[in-house]
């Protein structure tokens, strides 16, 4: 399955979770439910995966964690905030660069219509 198919499945799964739960919960609740939904669909999903920083040829655990890594290709960064800001986008872009992954989804569940809370980002490696 290519990266675009994976992102389509992640968005569809997120829509299902949002339809069932609605806005207003903690990010961790959406994260656990989205992981469950994706696993039910047959995806390998890693949650709270450590992301080291490489500096001067050494790896440093700086406390960064990927919310979800789906099929070892798509980083999913979840939020439950009033609105996405530039810092959230910069965070996902940094995760893409540090991990060497090409595509990420920034999903804010604290919206009435989830389509308004999804941002797809690409690392131009």
PDB file of N, CA and C in Angstrom:
ATOM      1  N   UNK A   1       0.852  -1.181   0.000  1.00  0.00           N
ATOM      2  CA  UNK A   1       0.000   0.000   0.000  1.00  0.00           C
ATOM      3  C   UNK A   1       0.895   1.241   0.000  1.00  0.00           C
ATOM      4  N   UNK A   2       0.619   2.172  -0.887  1.00  0.00           N
ATOM      5  CA  UNK A   2       1.460   3.366  -0.939  1.00  0.00           C
ATOM      6  C   UNK A   2       1.015   4.389   0.114  1.00  0.00           C
ATOM      7  N   UNK A   3       1.830   5.409   0.282  1.00  0.00           N
ATOM      8  CA  UNK A   3       1.633   6.387   1.344  1.00  0.00           C
ATOM      9  C   UNK A   3       0.304   7.130   1.193  1.00  0.00           C
ATOM     10  N   UNK A   4      -0.135   7.392  -0.025  1.00  0.00           N
ATOM     11  CA  UNK A   4      -1.408   8.084  -0.225  1.00  0.00           C
ATOM     12  C   UNK A   4      -2.590   7.223   0.212  1.00  0.00           C
ATOM     13  N   UNK A   5      -2.513   5.932  -0.036  1.00  0.00           N
ATOM     14  CA  UNK A   5      -3.567   5.024   0.415  1.00  0.00           C
ATOM     15  C   UNK A   5      -3.606   4.955   1.939  1.00  0.00           C
ATOM     16  N   UNK A   6      -2.420   4.931   2.540  1.00  0.00           N
ATOM     17  CA  UNK A   6      -2.352   4.895   4.010  1.00  0.00           C
ATOM     18  C   UNK A   6      -2.986   6.153   4.586  1.00  0.00           C
ATOM     19  N   UNK A   7      -2.652   7.323   4.029  1.00  0.00           N
ATOM     20  CA  UNK A   7      -3.218   8.570   4.555  1.00  0.00           C
ATOM     21  C   UNK A   7      -4.741   8.594   4.387  1.00  0.00           C
ATOM     22  N   UNK A   8      -5.241   8.067   3.283  1.00  0.00           N
ATOM     23  CA  UNK A   8      -6.699   8.001   3.084  1.00  0.00           C
ATOM     24  C   UNK A   8      -7.352   7.143   4.157  1.00  0.00           C
ATOM     25  N   UNK A   9      -6.743   6.017   4.475  1.00  0.00           N
ATOM     26  CA  UNK A   9      -7.287   5.145   5.520  1.00  0.00           C
ATOM     27  C   UNK A   9      -7.222   5.815   6.895  1.00  0.00           C
ATOM     28  N   UNK A  10      -6.140   6.537   7.167  1.00  0.00           N
ATOM     29  CA  UNK A  10      -6.015   7.226   8.455  1.00  0.00           C
ATOM     30  C   UNK A  10      -7.103   8.294   8.580  1.00  0.00           C
ATOM     31  N   UNK A  11      -7.308   9.069   7.522  1.00  0.00           N
ATOM     32  CA  UNK A  11      -8.340  10.107   7.551  1.00  0.00           C
ATOM     33  C   UNK A  11      -9.715   9.485   7.740  1.00  0.00           C
ATOM     34  N   UNK A  12     -10.002   8.411   7.036  1.00  0.00           N
ATOM     35  CA  UNK A  12     -11.298   7.742   7.171  1.00  0.00           C
ATOM     36  C   UNK A  12     -11.490   7.221   8.595  1.00  0.00           C
ATOM     37  N   UNK A  13     -10.446   6.629   9.160  1.00  0.00           N
ATOM     38  CA  UNK A  13     -10.525   6.118  10.533  1.00  0.00           C
ATOM     39  C   UNK A  13     -10.721   7.265  11.528  1.00  0.00           C
ATOM     40  N   UNK A  14     -10.029   8.377  11.303  1.00  0.00           N
ATOM     41  CA  UNK A  14     -10.175   9.543  12.181  1.00  0.00           C
ATOM     42  C   UNK A  14     -11.594  10.096  12.104  1.00  0.00           C
ATOM     43  N   UNK A  15     -12.171  10.103  10.911  1.00  0.00           N
ATOM     44  CA  UNK A  15     -13.562  10.560  10.747  1.00  0.00           C
ATOM     45  C   UNK A  15     -14.512   9.668  11.550  1.00  0.00           C
ATOM     46  N   UNK A  16     -14.269   8.374  11.516  1.00  0.00           N
ATOM     47  CA  UNK A  16     -15.118   7.443  12.262  1.00  0.00           C
ATOM     48  C   UNK A  16     -15.006   7.702  13.763  1.00  0.00           C
ATOM     49  N   UNK A  17     -13.777   7.866  14.245  1.00  0.00           N
ATOM     50  CA  UNK A  17     -13.561   8.138  15.672  1.00  0.00           C
ATOM     51  C   UNK A  17     -14.232   9.456  16.066  1.00  0.00           C
ATOM     52  N   UNK A  18     -14.049  10.486  15.246  1.00  0.00           N
ATOM     53  CA  UNK A  18     -14.632  11.793  15.552  1.00  0.00           C
ATOM     54  C   UNK A  18     -16.158  11.727  15.535  1.00  0.00           C
ATOM     55  N   UNK A  19     -16.721  11.004  14.583  1.00  0.00           N
ATOM     56  CA  UNK A  19     -18.188  10.862  14.518  1.00  0.00           C
ATOM     57  C   UNK A  19     -18.726  10.185  15.774  1.00  0.00           C
ATOM     58  N   UNK A  20     -17.994   9.215  16.287  1.00  0.00           N
ATOM     59  CA  UNK A  20     -18.437   8.485  17.476  1.00  0.00           C
ATOM     60  C   UNK A  20     -18.251   9.291  18.758  1.00  0.00           C
ATOM     61  N   UNK A  21     -17.149  10.030  18.856  1.00  0.00           N
ATOM     62  CA  UNK A  21     -16.814  10.704  20.113  1.00  0.00           C
ATOM     63  C   UNK A  21     -17.121  12.194  20.133  1.00  0.00           C
ATOM     64  N   UNK A  22     -17.046  12.843  18.960  1.00  0.00           N
ATOM     65  CA  UNK A  22     -17.236  14.287  18.901  1.00  0.00           C
ATOM     66  C   UNK A  22     -16.052  15.033  19.481  1.00  0.00           C
ATOM     67  N   UNK A  23     -16.112  16.366  19.469  1.00  0.00           N
ATOM     68  CA  UNK A  23     -15.032  17.177  20.044  1.00  0.00           C
ATOM     69  C   UNK A  23     -15.133  17.233  21.567  1.00  0.00           C
ATOM     70  N   UNK A  24     -14.058  17.686  22.206  1.00  0.00           N
ATOM     71  CA  UNK A  24     -14.108  17.973  23.633  1.00  0.00           C
ATOM     72  C   UNK A  24     -13.380  17.014  24.548  1.00  0.00           C
ATOM     73  N   UNK A  25     -12.833  15.919  24.002  1.00  0.00           N
ATOM     74  CA  UNK A  25     -12.100  14.980  24.850  1.00  0.00           C
ATOM     75  C   UNK A  25     -10.612  15.310  24.846  1.00  0.00           C
ATOM     76  N   UNK A  26      -9.866  14.618  25.673  1.00  0.00           N
ATOM     77  CA  UNK A  26      -8.422  14.787  25.699  1.00  0.00           C
ATOM     78  C   UNK A  26      -7.792  14.136  24.472  1.00  0.00           C
ATOM     79  N   UNK A  27      -6.669  14.677  24.061  1.00  0.00           N
ATOM     80  CA  UNK A  27      -5.918  14.139  22.923  1.00  0.00           C
ATOM     81  C   UNK A  27      -5.631  12.649  23.103  1.00  0.00           C
ATOM     82  N   UNK A  28      -5.290  12.242  24.315  1.00  0.00           N
ATOM     83  CA  UNK A  28      -4.939  10.841  24.567  1.00  0.00           C
ATOM     84  C   UNK A  28      -6.096   9.890  24.280  1.00  0.00           C
ATOM     85  N   UNK A  29      -7.322  10.325  24.490  1.00  0.00           N
ATOM     86  CA  UNK A  29      -8.484   9.483  24.199  1.00  0.00           C
ATOM     87  C   UNK A  29      -8.609   9.264  22.693  1.00  0.00           C
ATOM     88  N   UNK A  30      -8.468  10.323  21.923  1.00  0.00           N
ATOM     89  CA  UNK A  30      -8.538  10.191  20.460  1.00  0.00           C
ATOM     90  C   UNK A  30      -7.384   9.325  19.946  1.00  0.00           C
ATOM     91  N   UNK A  31      -6.226   9.504  20.537  1.00  0.00           N
ATOM     92  CA  UNK A  31      -5.048   8.736  20.127  1.00  0.00           C
ATOM     93  C   UNK A  31      -5.273   7.235  20.315  1.00  0.00           C
ATOM     94  N   UNK A  32      -5.761   6.860  21.485  1.00  0.00           N
ATOM     95  CA  UNK A  32      -6.007   5.444  21.771  1.00  0.00           C
ATOM     96  C   UNK A  32      -7.091   4.873  20.855  1.00  0.00           C
ATOM     97  N   UNK A  33      -8.145   5.636  20.639  1.00  0.00           N
ATOM     98  CA  UNK A  33      -9.244   5.158  19.788  1.00  0.00           C
ATOM     99  C   UNK A  33      -8.826   5.069  18.326  1.00  0.00           C
ATOM    100  N   UNK A  34      -8.042   6.036  17.854  1.00  0.00           N
ATOM    101  CA  UNK A  34      -7.578   5.994  16.467  1.00  0.00           C
ATOM    102  C   UNK A  34      -6.616   4.828  16.267  1.00  0.00           C
ATOM    103  N   UNK A  35      -5.747   4.593  17.231  1.00  0.00           N
ATOM    104  CA  UNK A  35      -4.854   3.439  17.142  1.00  0.00           C
ATOM    105  C   UNK A  35      -5.675   2.154  17.052  1.00  0.00           C
ATOM    106  N   UNK A  36      -6.665   2.015  17.904  1.00  0.00           N
ATOM    107  CA  UNK A  36      -7.520   0.822  17.896  1.00  0.00           C
ATOM    108  C   UNK A  36      -8.207   0.657  16.536  1.00  0.00           C
ATOM    109  N   UNK A  37      -8.772   1.726  16.020  1.00  0.00           N
ATOM    110  CA  UNK A  37      -9.482   1.674  14.745  1.00  0.00           C
ATOM    111  C   UNK A  37      -8.545   1.255  13.611  1.00  0.00           C
ATOM    112  N   UNK A  38      -7.335   1.784  13.603  1.00  0.00           N
ATOM    113  CA  UNK A  38      -6.381   1.448  12.537  1.00  0.00           C
ATOM    114  C   UNK A  38      -5.892   0.004  12.659  1.00  0.00           C
ATOM    115  N   UNK A  39      -5.689  -0.459  13.867  1.00  0.00           N
ATOM    116  CA  UNK A  39      -5.300  -1.859  14.067  1.00  0.00           C
ATOM    117  C   UNK A  39      -6.423  -2.777  13.590  1.00  0.00           C
ATOM    118  N   UNK A  40      -7.666  -2.409  13.882  1.00  0.00           N
ATOM    119  CA  UNK A  40      -8.811  -3.195  13.416  1.00  0.00           C
ATOM    120  C   UNK A  40      -8.845  -3.280  11.886  1.00  0.00           C
ATOM    121  N   UNK A  41      -8.287  -2.279  11.228  1.00  0.00           N
ATOM    122  CA  UNK A  41      -8.252  -2.244   9.761  1.00  0.00           C
ATOM    123  C   UNK A  41      -7.012  -2.940   9.203  1.00  0.00           C
ATOM    124  N   UNK A  42      -6.211  -3.520  10.090  1.00  0.00           N
ATOM    125  CA  UNK A  42      -5.070  -4.309   9.649  1.00  0.00           C
ATOM    126  C   UNK A  42      -3.745  -3.568   9.554  1.00  0.00           C
ATOM    127  N   UNK A  43      -3.675  -2.359  10.091  1.00  0.00           N
ATOM    128  CA  UNK A  43      -2.438  -1.584  10.019  1.00  0.00           C
ATOM    129  C   UNK A  43      -1.542  -1.839  11.222  1.00  0.00           C
ATOM    130  N   UNK A  44      -0.249  -1.781  10.975  1.00  0.00           N
ATOM    131  CA  UNK A  44       0.737  -1.768  12.057  1.00  0.00           C
ATOM    132  C   UNK A  44       0.788  -0.330  12.555  1.00  0.00           C
ATOM    133  N   UNK A  45       0.503  -0.121  13.838  1.00  0.00           N
ATOM    134  CA  UNK A  45       0.460   1.228  14.403  1.00  0.00           C
ATOM    135  C   UNK A  45       1.304   1.272  15.664  1.00  0.00           C
ATOM    136  N   UNK A  46       2.277   2.142  15.659  1.00  0.00           N
ATOM    137  CA  UNK A  46       3.093   2.356  16.859  1.00  0.00           C
ATOM    138  C   UNK A  46       2.626   3.660  17.506  1.00  0.00           C
ATOM    139  N   UNK A  47       2.482   3.607  18.835  1.00  0.00           N
ATOM    140  CA  UNK A  47       1.974   4.766  19.579  1.00  0.00           C
ATOM    141  C   UNK A  47       3.041   5.273  20.541  1.00  0.00           C
ATOM    142  N   UNK A  48       3.172   6.593  20.609  1.00  0.00           N
ATOM    143  CA  UNK A  48       4.147   7.257  21.488  1.00  0.00           C
ATOM    144  C   UNK A  48       5.549   6.707  21.255  1.00  0.00           C
ATOM    145  N   UNK A  49       5.915   6.650  19.992  1.00  0.00           N
ATOM    146  CA  UNK A  49       7.209   6.124  19.570  1.00  0.00           C
ATOM    147  C   UNK A  49       8.299   7.173  19.801  1.00  0.00           C
ATOM    148  N   UNK A  50       9.344   6.789  20.519  1.00  0.00           N
ATOM    149  CA  UNK A  50      10.455   7.706  20.792  1.00  0.00           C
ATOM    150  C   UNK A  50      11.118   8.136  19.485  1.00  0.00           C
ATOM    151  N   UNK A  51      11.440   9.419  19.400  1.00  0.00           N
ATOM    152  CA  UNK A  51      12.085   9.981  18.219  1.00  0.00           C
ATOM    153  C   UNK A  51      13.347  10.715  18.657  1.00  0.00           C
ATOM    154  N   UNK A  52      14.502  10.073  18.509  1.00  0.00           N
ATOM    155  CA  UNK A  52      15.741  10.722  18.947  1.00  0.00           C
ATOM    156  C   UNK A  52      16.167  11.833  17.974  1.00  0.00           C
ATOM    157  N   UNK A  53      16.986  12.712  18.482  1.00  0.00           N
ATOM    158  CA  UNK A  53      17.595  13.771  17.683  1.00  0.00           C
ATOM    159  C   UNK A  53      19.031  13.355  17.416  1.00  0.00           C
ATOM    160  N   UNK A  54      19.452  13.409  16.146  1.00  0.00           N
ATOM    161  CA  UNK A  54      20.844  13.111  15.810  1.00  0.00           C
ATOM    162  C   UNK A  54      21.607  14.421  15.746  1.00  0.00           C
ATOM    163  N   UNK A  55      22.646  14.505  16.568  1.00  0.00           N
ATOM    164  CA  UNK A  55      23.476  15.706  16.623  1.00  0.00           C
ATOM    165  C   UNK A  55      24.930  15.280  16.739  1.00  0.00           C
ATOM    166  N   UNK A  56      25.749  15.817  15.890  1.00  0.00           N
ATOM    167  CA  UNK A  56      27.183  15.537  15.924  1.00  0.00           C
ATOM    168  C   UNK A  56      27.442  14.031  15.909  1.00  0.00           C
ATOM    169  N   UNK A  57      26.702  13.326  15.065  1.00  0.00           N
ATOM    170  CA  UNK A  57      26.824  11.875  14.854  1.00  0.00           C
ATOM    171  C   UNK A  57      26.392  11.015  16.038  1.00  0.00           C
ATOM    172  N   UNK A  58      25.693  11.593  16.999  1.00  0.00           N
ATOM    173  CA  UNK A  58      25.172  10.792  18.104  1.00  0.00           C
ATOM    174  C   UNK A  58      23.655  10.980  18.180  1.00  0.00           C
ATOM    175  N   UNK A  59      22.979   9.963  18.706  1.00  0.00           N
ATOM    176  CA  UNK A  59      21.534  10.071  18.902  1.00  0.00           C
ATOM    177  C   UNK A  59      21.254  10.474  20.344  1.00  0.00           C
ATOM    178  N   UNK A  60      20.457  11.524  20.489  1.00  0.00           N
ATOM    179  CA  UNK A  60      20.115  12.066  21.796  1.00  0.00           C
ATOM    180  C   UNK A  60      18.616  11.893  22.017  1.00  0.00           C
ATOM    181  N   UNK A  61      18.254  11.258  23.126  1.00  0.00           N
ATOM    182  CA  UNK A  61      16.840  11.167  23.468  1.00  0.00           C
ATOM    183  C   UNK A  61      16.445  12.499  24.087  1.00  0.00           C
ATOM    184  N   UNK A  62      15.728  13.303  23.299  1.00  0.00           N
ATOM    185  CA  UNK A  62      15.334  14.635  23.750  1.00  0.00           C
ATOM    186  C   UNK A  62      13.877  14.669  24.213  1.00  0.00           C
ATOM    187  N   UNK A  63      13.261  13.497  24.337  1.00  0.00           N
ATOM    188  CA  UNK A  63      11.902  13.437  24.835  1.00  0.00           C
ATOM    189  C   UNK A  63      10.823  13.553  23.775  1.00  0.00           C
ATOM    190  N   UNK A  64      11.209  13.588  22.498  1.00  0.00           N
ATOM    191  CA  UNK A  64      10.201  13.671  21.441  1.00  0.00           C
ATOM    192  C   UNK A  64       9.533  12.317  21.250  1.00  0.00           C
ATOM    193  N   UNK A  65       8.222  12.344  21.033  1.00  0.00           N
ATOM    194  CA  UNK A  65       7.443  11.132  20.825  1.00  0.00           C
ATOM    195  C   UNK A  65       6.465  11.372  19.679  1.00  0.00           C
ATOM    196  N   UNK A  66       6.405  10.398  18.761  1.00  0.00           N
ATOM    197  CA  UNK A  66       5.397  10.445  17.709  1.00  0.00           C
ATOM    198  C   UNK A  66       4.087   9.943  18.297  1.00  0.00           C
ATOM    199  N   UNK A  67       3.007  10.667  18.096  1.00  0.00           N
ATOM    200  CA  UNK A  67       1.716  10.180  18.592  1.00  0.00           C
ATOM    201  C   UNK A  67       1.426   8.820  17.980  1.00  0.00           C
ATOM    202  N   UNK A  68       1.427   8.753  16.637  1.00  0.00           N
ATOM    203  CA  UNK A  68       1.211   7.492  15.938  1.00  0.00           C
ATOM    204  C   UNK A  68       2.112   7.422  14.713  1.00  0.00           C
ATOM    205  N   UNK A  69       2.627   6.234  14.448  1.00  0.00           N
ATOM    206  CA  UNK A  69       3.323   5.948  13.200  1.00  0.00           C
ATOM    207  C   UNK A  69       2.571   4.783  12.572  1.00  0.00           C
ATOM    208  N   UNK A  70       1.990   5.035  11.398  1.00  0.00           N
ATOM    209  CA  UNK A  70       1.124   4.062  10.742  1.00  0.00           C
ATOM    210  C   UNK A  70       1.849   3.432   9.559  1.00  0.00           C
ATOM    211  N   UNK A  71       1.886   2.115   9.564  1.00  0.00           N
ATOM    212  CA  UNK A  71       2.497   1.330   8.472  1.00  0.00           C
ATOM    213  C   UNK A  71       3.934   1.758   8.195  1.00  0.00           C
ATOM    214  N   UNK A  72       4.607   2.235   9.222  1.00  0.00           N
ATOM    215  CA  UNK A  72       5.998   2.682   9.127  1.00  0.00           C
ATOM    216  C   UNK A  72       6.197   3.738   8.032  1.00  0.00           C
ATOM    217  N   UNK A  73       5.111   4.441   7.659  1.00  0.00           N
ATOM    218  CA  UNK A  73       5.232   5.448   6.603  1.00  0.00           C
ATOM    219  C   UNK A  73       4.628   6.797   6.947  1.00  0.00           C
ATOM    220  N   UNK A  74       3.535   6.834   7.688  1.00  0.00           N
ATOM    221  CA  UNK A  74       2.816   8.089   7.937  1.00  0.00           C
ATOM    222  C   UNK A  74       2.845   8.434   9.424  1.00  0.00           C
ATOM    223  N   UNK A  75       3.344   9.623   9.716  1.00  0.00           N
ATOM    224  CA  UNK A  75       3.322  10.144  11.084  1.00  0.00           C
ATOM    225  C   UNK A  75       1.987  10.851  11.282  1.00  0.00           C
ATOM    226  N   UNK A  76       1.323  10.539  12.390  1.00  0.00           N
ATOM    227  CA  UNK A  76       0.069  11.201  12.718  1.00  0.00           C
ATOM    228  C   UNK A  76       0.261  11.937  14.034  1.00  0.00           C
ATOM    229  N   UNK A  77       0.129  13.248  13.974  1.00  0.00           N
ATOM    230  CA  UNK A  77       0.243  14.095  15.161  1.00  0.00           C
ATOM    231  C   UNK A  77      -1.160  14.586  15.499  1.00  0.00           C
ATOM    232  N   UNK A  78      -1.634  14.236  16.693  1.00  0.00           N
ATOM    233  CA  UNK A  78      -2.990  14.572  17.099  1.00  0.00           C
ATOM    234  C   UNK A  78      -3.008  15.762  18.041  1.00  0.00           C
ATOM    235  N   UNK A  79      -4.065  16.550  17.903  1.00  0.00           N
ATOM    236  CA  UNK A  79      -4.293  17.687  18.789  1.00  0.00           C
ATOM    237  C   UNK A  79      -5.756  17.706  19.191  1.00  0.00           C
ATOM    238  N   UNK A  80      -6.037  18.353  20.306  1.00  0.00           N
ATOM    239  CA  UNK A  80      -7.401  18.631  20.751  1.00  0.00           C
ATOM    240  C   UNK A  80      -7.388  20.064  21.278  1.00  0.00           C
ATOM    241  N   UNK A  81      -7.249  21.005  20.335  1.00  0.00           N
ATOM    242  CA  UNK A  81      -7.062  22.421  20.658  1.00  0.00           C
ATOM    243  C   UNK A  81      -8.117  23.262  19.949  1.00  0.00           C
ATOM    244  N   UNK A  82      -8.259  24.515  20.382  1.00  0.00           N
ATOM    245  CA  UNK A  82      -9.270  25.383  19.773  1.00  0.00           C
ATOM    246  C   UNK A  82      -8.957  25.681  18.314  1.00  0.00           C
ATOM    247  N   UNK A  83      -7.671  25.757  17.974  1.00  0.00           N
ATOM    248  CA  UNK A  83      -7.283  25.921  16.573  1.00  0.00           C
ATOM    249  C   UNK A  83      -5.827  25.522  16.384  1.00  0.00           C
ATOM    250  N   UNK A  84      -5.532  25.026  15.189  1.00  0.00           N
ATOM    251  CA  UNK A  84      -4.143  24.698  14.856  1.00  0.00           C
ATOM    252  C   UNK A  84      -3.385  25.993  14.601  1.00  0.00           C
ATOM    253  N   UNK A  85      -2.163  26.050  15.114  1.00  0.00           N
ATOM    254  CA  UNK A  85      -1.324  27.232  14.903  1.00  0.00           C
ATOM    255  C   UNK A  85      -0.038  26.811  14.195  1.00  0.00           C
ATOM    256  N   UNK A  86       0.738  27.790  13.793  1.00  0.00           N
ATOM    257  CA  UNK A  86       1.973  27.524  13.054  1.00  0.00           C
ATOM    258  C   UNK A  86       2.918  26.608  13.828  1.00  0.00           C
ATOM    259  N   UNK A  87       2.935  26.712  15.137  1.00  0.00           N
ATOM    260  CA  UNK A  87       3.809  25.871  15.960  1.00  0.00           C
ATOM    261  C   UNK A  87       3.462  24.389  15.811  1.00  0.00           C
ATOM    262  N   UNK A  88       2.184  24.056  15.704  1.00  0.00           N
ATOM    263  CA  UNK A  88       1.775  22.661  15.514  1.00  0.00           C
ATOM    264  C   UNK A  88       2.285  22.125  14.181  1.00  0.00           C
ATOM    265  N   UNK A  89       2.198  22.945  13.152  1.00  0.00           N
ATOM    266  CA  UNK A  89       2.691  22.545  11.829  1.00  0.00           C
ATOM    267  C   UNK A  89       4.210  22.391  11.848  1.00  0.00           C
ATOM    268  N   UNK A  90       4.895  23.292  12.530  1.00  0.00           N
ATOM    269  CA  UNK A  90       6.351  23.212  12.649  1.00  0.00           C
ATOM    270  C   UNK A  90       6.767  21.953  13.405  1.00  0.00           C
ATOM    271  N   UNK A  91       5.991  21.584  14.406  1.00  0.00           N
ATOM    272  CA  UNK A  91       6.270  20.368  15.171  1.00  0.00           C
ATOM    273  C   UNK A  91       6.215  19.145  14.262  1.00  0.00           C
ATOM    274  N   UNK A  92       5.160  19.017  13.474  1.00  0.00           N
ATOM    275  CA  UNK A  92       5.036  17.870  12.581  1.00  0.00           C
ATOM    276  C   UNK A  92       6.139  17.879  11.528  1.00  0.00           C
ATOM    277  N   UNK A  93       6.444  19.021  10.977  1.00  0.00           N
ATOM    278  CA  UNK A  93       7.519  19.104   9.989  1.00  0.00           C
ATOM    279  C   UNK A  93       8.853  18.689  10.602  1.00  0.00           C
ATOM    280  N   UNK A  94       9.111  19.085  11.832  1.00  0.00           N
ATOM    281  CA  UNK A  94      10.339  18.667  12.524  1.00  0.00           C
ATOM    282  C   UNK A  94      10.365  17.157  12.714  1.00  0.00           C
ATOM    283  N   UNK A  95       9.240  16.575  13.093  1.00  0.00           N
ATOM    284  CA  UNK A  95       9.160  15.120  13.263  1.00  0.00           C
ATOM    285  C   UNK A  95       9.428  14.400  11.942  1.00  0.00           C
ATOM    286  N   UNK A  96       8.896  14.945  10.852  1.00  0.00           N
ATOM    287  CA  UNK A  96       9.139  14.342   9.538  1.00  0.00           C
ATOM    288  C   UNK A  96      10.633  14.389   9.205  1.00  0.00           C
ATOM    289  N   UNK A  97      11.260  15.507   9.449  1.00  0.00           N
ATOM    290  CA  UNK A  97      12.688  15.650   9.143  1.00  0.00           C
ATOM    291  C   UNK A  97      13.543  14.747  10.030  1.00  0.00           C
ATOM    292  N   UNK A  98      13.249  14.714  11.331  1.00  0.00           N
ATOM    293  CA  UNK A  98      14.035  13.892  12.249  1.00  0.00           C
ATOM    294  C   UNK A  98      13.903  12.400  11.951  1.00  0.00           C
ATOM    295  N   UNK A  99      12.719  11.993  11.510  1.00  0.00           N
ATOM    296  CA  UNK A  99      12.465  10.575  11.263  1.00  0.00           C
ATOM    297  C   UNK A  99      12.823  10.131   9.850  1.00  0.00           C
ATOM    298  N   UNK A 100      12.956  11.093   8.936  1.00  0.00           N
ATOM    299  CA  UNK A 100      13.200  10.746   7.541  1.00  0.00           C
ATOM    300  C   UNK A 100      11.946  10.265   6.823  1.00  0.00           C
ATOM    301  N   UNK A 101      10.783  10.454   7.441  1.00  0.00           N
ATOM    302  CA  UNK A 101       9.517  10.078   6.809  1.00  0.00           C
ATOM    303  C   UNK A 101       9.065  11.199   5.889  1.00  0.00           C
ATOM    304  N   UNK A 102       8.290  10.839   4.871  1.00  0.00           N
ATOM    305  CA  UNK A 102       7.890  11.818   3.862  1.00  0.00           C
ATOM    306  C   UNK A 102       6.556  12.502   4.156  1.00  0.00           C
ATOM    307  N   UNK A 103       5.584  11.773   4.732  1.00  0.00           N
ATOM    308  CA  UNK A 103       4.233  12.319   4.871  1.00  0.00           C
ATOM    309  C   UNK A 103       3.751  12.242   6.313  1.00  0.00           C
ATOM    310  N   UNK A 104       3.065  13.311   6.719  1.00  0.00           N
ATOM    311  CA  UNK A 104       2.468  13.346   8.040  1.00  0.00           C
ATOM    312  C   UNK A 104       1.090  13.972   7.993  1.00  0.00           C
ATOM    313  N   UNK A 105       0.279  13.606   8.963  1.00  0.00           N
ATOM    314  CA  UNK A 105      -1.047  14.194   9.115  1.00  0.00           C
ATOM    315  C   UNK A 105      -1.138  14.859  10.476  1.00  0.00           C
ATOM    316  N   UNK A 106      -1.584  16.100  10.474  1.00  0.00           N
ATOM    317  CA  UNK A 106      -1.855  16.839  11.699  1.00  0.00           C
ATOM    318  C   UNK A 106      -3.377  16.865  11.824  1.00  0.00           C
ATOM    319  N   UNK A 107      -3.897  16.261  12.876  1.00  0.00           N
ATOM    320  CA  UNK A 107      -5.344  16.131  13.024  1.00  0.00           C
ATOM    321  C   UNK A 107      -5.783  16.743  14.352  1.00  0.00           C
ATOM    322  N   UNK A 108      -6.639  17.753  14.260  1.00  0.00           N
ATOM    323  CA  UNK A 108      -7.205  18.398  15.440  1.00  0.00           C
ATOM    324  C   UNK A 108      -8.636  17.902  15.631  1.00  0.00           C
ATOM    325  N   UNK A 109      -8.875  17.169  16.706  1.00  0.00           N
ATOM    326  CA  UNK A 109     -10.186  16.595  16.964  1.00  0.00           C
ATOM    327  C   UNK A 109     -11.151  17.573  17.635  1.00  0.00           C
ATOM    328  N   UNK A 110     -10.670  18.725  18.049  1.00  0.00           N
ATOM    329  CA  UNK A 110     -11.530  19.671  18.767  1.00  0.00           C
ATOM    330  C   UNK A 110     -12.202  20.647  17.801  1.00  0.00           C
ATOM    331  N   UNK A 111     -12.864  20.083  16.799  1.00  0.00           N
ATOM    332  CA  UNK A 111     -13.600  20.873  15.804  1.00  0.00           C
ATOM    333  C   UNK A 111     -14.960  20.214  15.588  1.00  0.00           C
ATOM    334  N   UNK A 112     -15.899  20.991  15.068  1.00  0.00           N
ATOM    335  CA  UNK A 112     -17.232  20.444  14.806  1.00  0.00           C
ATOM    336  C   UNK A 112     -17.188  19.478  13.633  1.00  0.00           C
ATOM    337  N   UNK A 113     -16.515  19.889  12.555  1.00  0.00           N
ATOM    338  CA  UNK A 113     -16.368  19.054  11.357  1.00  0.00           C
ATOM    339  C   UNK A 113     -14.896  18.703  11.202  1.00  0.00           C
ATOM    340  N   UNK A 114     -14.560  17.428  11.294  1.00  0.00           N
ATOM    341  CA  UNK A 114     -13.156  17.020  11.314  1.00  0.00           C
ATOM    342  C   UNK A 114     -12.394  17.462  10.071  1.00  0.00           C
ATOM    343  N   UNK A 115     -13.053  17.532   8.916  1.00  0.00           N
ATOM    344  CA  UNK A 115     -12.353  17.948   7.695  1.00  0.00           C
ATOM    345  C   UNK A 115     -11.670  19.313   7.879  1.00  0.00           C
ATOM    346  N   UNK A 116     -12.190  20.134   8.798  1.00  0.00           N
ATOM    347  CA  UNK A 116     -11.594  21.444   9.078  1.00  0.00           C
ATOM    348  C   UNK A 116     -10.353  21.331   9.958  1.00  0.00           C
ATOM    349  N   UNK A 117     -10.134  20.159  10.546  1.00  0.00           N
ATOM    350  CA  UNK A 117      -9.020  19.982  11.472  1.00  0.00           C
ATOM    351  C   UNK A 117      -7.909  19.102  10.954  1.00  0.00           C
ATOM    352  N   UNK A 118      -7.886  18.823   9.643  1.00  0.00           N
ATOM    353  CA  UNK A 118      -6.869  17.927   9.085  1.00  0.00           C
ATOM    354  C   UNK A 118      -5.928  18.696   8.167  1.00  0.00           C
ATOM    355  N   UNK A 119      -4.648  18.505   8.402  1.00  0.00           N
ATOM    356  CA  UNK A 119      -3.617  19.127   7.579  1.00  0.00           C
ATOM    357  C   UNK A 119      -2.619  18.044   7.176  1.00  0.00           C
ATOM    358  N   UNK A 120      -2.439  17.835   5.891  1.00  0.00           N
ATOM    359  CA  UNK A 120      -1.452  16.876   5.370  1.00  0.00           C
ATOM    360  C   UNK A 120      -0.178  17.647   5.066  1.00  0.00           C
ATOM    361  N   UNK A 121       0.952  17.120   5.522  1.00  0.00           N
ATOM    362  CA  UNK A 121       2.233  17.784   5.299  1.00  0.00           C
ATOM    363  C   UNK A 121       3.218  16.807   4.669  1.00  0.00           C
ATOM    364  N   UNK A 122       4.086  17.356   3.820  1.00  0.00           N
ATOM    365  CA  UNK A 122       5.070  16.549   3.110  1.00  0.00           C
ATOM    366  C   UNK A 122       6.457  17.081   3.415  1.00  0.00           C
ATOM    367  N   UNK A 123       7.371  16.172   3.743  1.00  0.00           N
ATOM    368  CA  UNK A 123       8.777  16.497   3.936  1.00  0.00           C
ATOM    369  C   UNK A 123       9.461  16.379   2.583  1.00  0.00           C
ATOM    370  N   UNK A 124      10.016  17.434   2.104  1.00  0.00           N
ATOM    371  CA  UNK A 124      10.665  17.437   0.790  1.00  0.00           C
ATOM    372  C   UNK A 124      12.070  16.840   0.825  1.00  0.00           C
ATOM    373  N   UNK A 125      12.339  16.002   1.812  1.00  0.00           N
ATOM    374  CA  UNK A 125      13.606  15.286   1.990  1.00  0.00           C
ATOM    375  C   UNK A 125      14.672  16.002   1.251  1.00  0.00           C
TER     376      UNK A 125
END
